[in-house]
Amino acid sequence: MITRFHILAALLTFAAVTGGILYGFMSTCFVSGLALTTFIAGSCAKRVFVYRAHREMIRLVMRTMGSRAR
């Protein structure tokens, strides 16, 4: 009976420790993945806004240059 209790206690301790390690690892991976996704989405959004501003600047400059040529 005591041997079974020791084995059960060892298994429960092992499960608790590995569960805690696994939870910490998964939590870290989830947070890292979320940060990476946010970074990629932010970079894409920034690129879109920069290209849009660049196109607008070219359009305005070309309109100004066209009016000077006349």
C-alpha atoms as a PDB file:
ATOM      1  CA  MET A   1       0.000   0.000   0.000  1.00  0.00           C
ATOM      2  CA  ILE A   2       2.775   2.447   0.901  1.00  0.00           C
ATOM      3  CA  THR A   3       4.670   1.560  -2.268  1.00  0.00           C
ATOM      4  CA  ARG A   4       1.595   2.355  -4.360  1.00  0.00           C
ATOM      5  CA  PHE A   5       1.206   5.622  -2.501  1.00  0.00           C
ATOM      6  CA  HIS A   6       4.834   6.544  -3.254  1.00  0.00           C
ATOM      7  CA  ILE A   7       4.414   5.647  -6.912  1.00  0.00           C
ATOM      8  CA  LEU A   8       1.177   7.628  -7.100  1.00  0.00           C
ATOM      9  CA  ALA A   9       2.812  10.604  -5.373  1.00  0.00           C
ATOM     10  CA  ALA A  10       5.763  10.427  -7.764  1.00  0.00           C
ATOM     11  CA  LEU A  11       3.455  10.263 -10.790  1.00  0.00           C
ATOM     12  CA  LEU A  12       1.362  13.193  -9.568  1.00  0.00           C
ATOM     13  CA  THR A  13       4.489  15.241  -8.866  1.00  0.00           C
ATOM     14  CA  PHE A  14       5.876  14.386 -12.284  1.00  0.00           C
ATOM     15  CA  ALA A  15       2.578  15.314 -13.935  1.00  0.00           C
ATOM     16  CA  ALA A  16       2.413  18.607 -12.032  1.00  0.00           C
ATOM     17  CA  VAL A  17       5.996  19.568 -12.896  1.00  0.00           C
ATOM     18  CA  THR A  18       5.759  18.609 -16.559  1.00  0.00           C
ATOM     19  CA  GLY A  19       2.336  20.238 -16.798  1.00  0.00           C
ATOM     20  CA  GLY A  20       3.764  23.458 -15.364  1.00  0.00           C
ATOM     21  CA  ILE A  21       6.734  23.345 -17.728  1.00  0.00           C
ATOM     22  CA  LEU A  22       4.487  22.577 -20.688  1.00  0.00           C
ATOM     23  CA  TYR A  23       2.077  25.362 -19.701  1.00  0.00           C
ATOM     24  CA  GLY A  24       4.953  27.826 -19.390  1.00  0.00           C
ATOM     25  CA  PHE A  25       6.388  26.750 -22.729  1.00  0.00           C
ATOM     26  CA  MET A  26       3.022  26.934 -24.497  1.00  0.00           C
ATOM     27  CA  SER A  27       2.289  30.286 -22.902  1.00  0.00           C
ATOM     28  CA  THR A  28       5.669  31.604 -24.041  1.00  0.00           C
ATOM     29  CA  CYS A  29       5.161  30.227 -27.552  1.00  0.00           C
ATOM     30  CA  PHE A  30       1.673  31.731 -27.717  1.00  0.00           C
ATOM     31  CA  VAL A  31       2.904  35.141 -26.613  1.00  0.00           C
ATOM     32  CA  SER A  32       5.851  34.982 -29.010  1.00  0.00           C
ATOM     33  CA  GLY A  33       3.566  33.964 -31.868  1.00  0.00           C
ATOM     34  CA  LEU A  34       1.163  36.760 -31.011  1.00  0.00           C
ATOM     35  CA  ALA A  35       4.013  39.284 -30.953  1.00  0.00           C
ATOM     36  CA  LEU A  36       5.322  38.019 -34.300  1.00  0.00           C
ATOM     37  CA  THR A  37       1.862  38.198 -35.853  1.00  0.00           C
ATOM     38  CA  THR A  38       1.386  41.739 -34.553  1.00  0.00           C
ATOM     39  CA  PHE A  39       4.780  42.766 -35.915  1.00  0.00           C
ATOM     40  CA  ILE A  40       4.029  41.350 -39.372  1.00  0.00           C
ATOM     41  CA  ALA A  41       0.573  42.927 -39.473  1.00  0.00           C
ATOM     42  CA  GLY A  42       2.009  46.264 -38.335  1.00  0.00           C
ATOM     43  CA  SER A  43       4.713  46.127 -40.983  1.00  0.00           C
ATOM     44  CA  CYS A  44       2.164  45.383 -43.701  1.00  0.00           C
ATOM     45  CA  ALA A  45      -0.110  48.199 -42.543  1.00  0.00           C
ATOM     46  CA  LYS A  46       2.825  50.606 -42.387  1.00  0.00           C
ATOM     47  CA  ARG A  47       3.891  49.628 -45.891  1.00  0.00           C
ATOM     48  CA  VAL A  48       0.383  50.257 -47.209  1.00  0.00           C
ATOM     49  CA  PHE A  49       0.249  53.721 -45.643  1.00  0.00           C
ATOM     50  CA  VAL A  50       3.737  54.617 -46.877  1.00  0.00           C
ATOM     51  CA  TYR A  51       2.943  53.518 -50.436  1.00  0.00           C
ATOM     52  CA  ARG A  52      -0.340  55.414 -50.356  1.00  0.00           C
ATOM     53  CA  ALA A  53       1.401  58.578 -49.155  1.00  0.00           C
ATOM     54  CA  HIS A  54       4.105  58.107 -51.780  1.00  0.00           C
ATOM     55  CA  ARG A  55       1.538  57.773 -54.565  1.00  0.00           C
ATOM     56  CA  GLU A  56      -0.275  60.861 -53.300  1.00  0.00           C
ATOM     57  CA  MET A  57       2.985  62.823 -53.193  1.00  0.00           C
ATOM     58  CA  ILE A  58       3.843  61.774 -56.761  1.00  0.00           C
ATOM     59  CA  ARG A  59       0.351  62.748 -57.904  1.00  0.00           C
ATOM     60  CA  LEU A  60       0.629  66.185 -56.287  1.00  0.00           C
ATOM     61  CA  VAL A  61       4.146  66.810 -57.595  1.00  0.00           C
ATOM     62  CA  MET A  62       3.192  65.752 -61.098  1.00  0.00           C
ATOM     63  CA  ARG A  63       0.162  68.062 -60.994  1.00  0.00           C
ATOM     64  CA  THR A  64       2.414  70.943 -59.906  1.00  0.00           C
ATOM     65  CA  MET A  65       5.057  70.117 -62.501  1.00  0.00           C
ATOM     66  CA  GLY A  66       2.388  69.876 -65.188  1.00  0.00           C
ATOM     67  CA  SER A  67       1.008  73.323 -64.350  1.00  0.00           C
ATOM     68  CA  ARG A  68       4.509  74.869 -64.544  1.00  0.00           C
ATOM     69  CA  ALA A  69       5.159  73.359 -67.958  1.00  0.00           C
ATOM     70  CA  ARG A  70       2.199  75.157 -69.505  1.00  0.00           C
END
